[in-house]
Protein backbone atom coordinates (compact mmCIF):
# COMPACT_ATOMS: atom_id res chain seq x y z
CA MET A 1 -92.87 -68.08 2.60
CA GLN A 2 -95.21 -65.64 0.70
CA ARG A 3 -98.08 -68.15 1.07
CA ALA A 4 -97.64 -68.39 4.94
CA ARG A 5 -97.54 -64.52 4.96
CA ARG A 6 -100.83 -64.36 3.08
CA GLY A 7 -102.36 -66.98 5.38
CA ALA A 8 -101.47 -65.03 8.44
CA ALA A 9 -103.01 -61.77 6.81
CA LEU A 10 -106.11 -63.73 6.04
CA ARG A 11 -106.31 -64.85 9.53
CA GLY A 12 -105.63 -61.51 10.87
CA ALA A 13 -108.58 -60.23 8.76
CA ALA A 14 -110.87 -62.91 9.86
CA LEU A 15 -110.20 -62.36 13.58
CA PRO A 16 -111.56 -58.88 13.81
CA GLY A 17 -114.57 -59.92 11.64
CA ALA A 18 -115.36 -62.67 14.12
CA ALA A 19 -114.93 -60.31 17.15
CA LEU A 20 -117.27 -57.86 15.30
CA ARG A 21 -119.74 -60.48 14.48
CA GLY A 22 -119.70 -61.67 18.12
CA ALA A 23 -120.27 -58.17 19.41
CA ALA A 24 -123.15 -57.64 17.01
CA LEU A 25 -124.72 -60.99 18.10
CA ARG A 26 -124.18 -60.00 21.89
CA GLY A 27 -125.81 -56.51 21.17
CA ALA A 28 -128.81 -58.10 19.47
CA ALA A 29 -129.28 -60.40 22.35
CA LEU A 30 -129.04 -57.60 24.94
CA ARG A 31 -131.51 -55.53 22.91
CA GLY A 32 -133.93 -58.57 22.65
CA ALA A 33 -133.69 -59.03 26.47
CA ALA A 34 -134.35 -55.43 27.09
CA LEU A 35 -137.42 -55.34 24.67
CA ARG A 36 -138.60 -58.54 26.31
CA GLY A 37 -138.07 -56.86 29.72
CA ALA A 38 -140.06 -53.69 28.63
CA ALA A 39 -142.91 -55.89 27.22
CA LEU A 40 -143.20 -57.81 30.51
CA ARG A 41 -143.10 -54.47 32.40
CA GLY A 42 -145.78 -53.05 30.12
CA ALA A 43 -148.09 -56.16 30.68
CA ALA A 44 -147.55 -55.97 34.43
CA LEU A 45 -148.42 -52.23 34.49
CA ARG A 46 -151.42 -52.86 32.40
CA GLY A 47 -152.57 -55.72 34.62
CA ALA A 48 -152.13 -53.50 37.74
CA ALA A 49 -154.17 -50.68 36.00
CA LEU A 50 -156.86 -53.25 35.09
CA ARG A 51 -156.99 -54.65 38.59
CA GLY A 52 -156.96 -51.01 39.89
């Protein structure tokens, strides 16, 4: 009985951790995409300026 309750508590603690990890990974991916977009935009602007 007590072992089952401890297992449920551990599972309950693991779930928010997994959700937080997932959110952090998603945030990092979004940040990476935004940075890549900014770099591409910067390169395009530089190219346009050079072409003039």
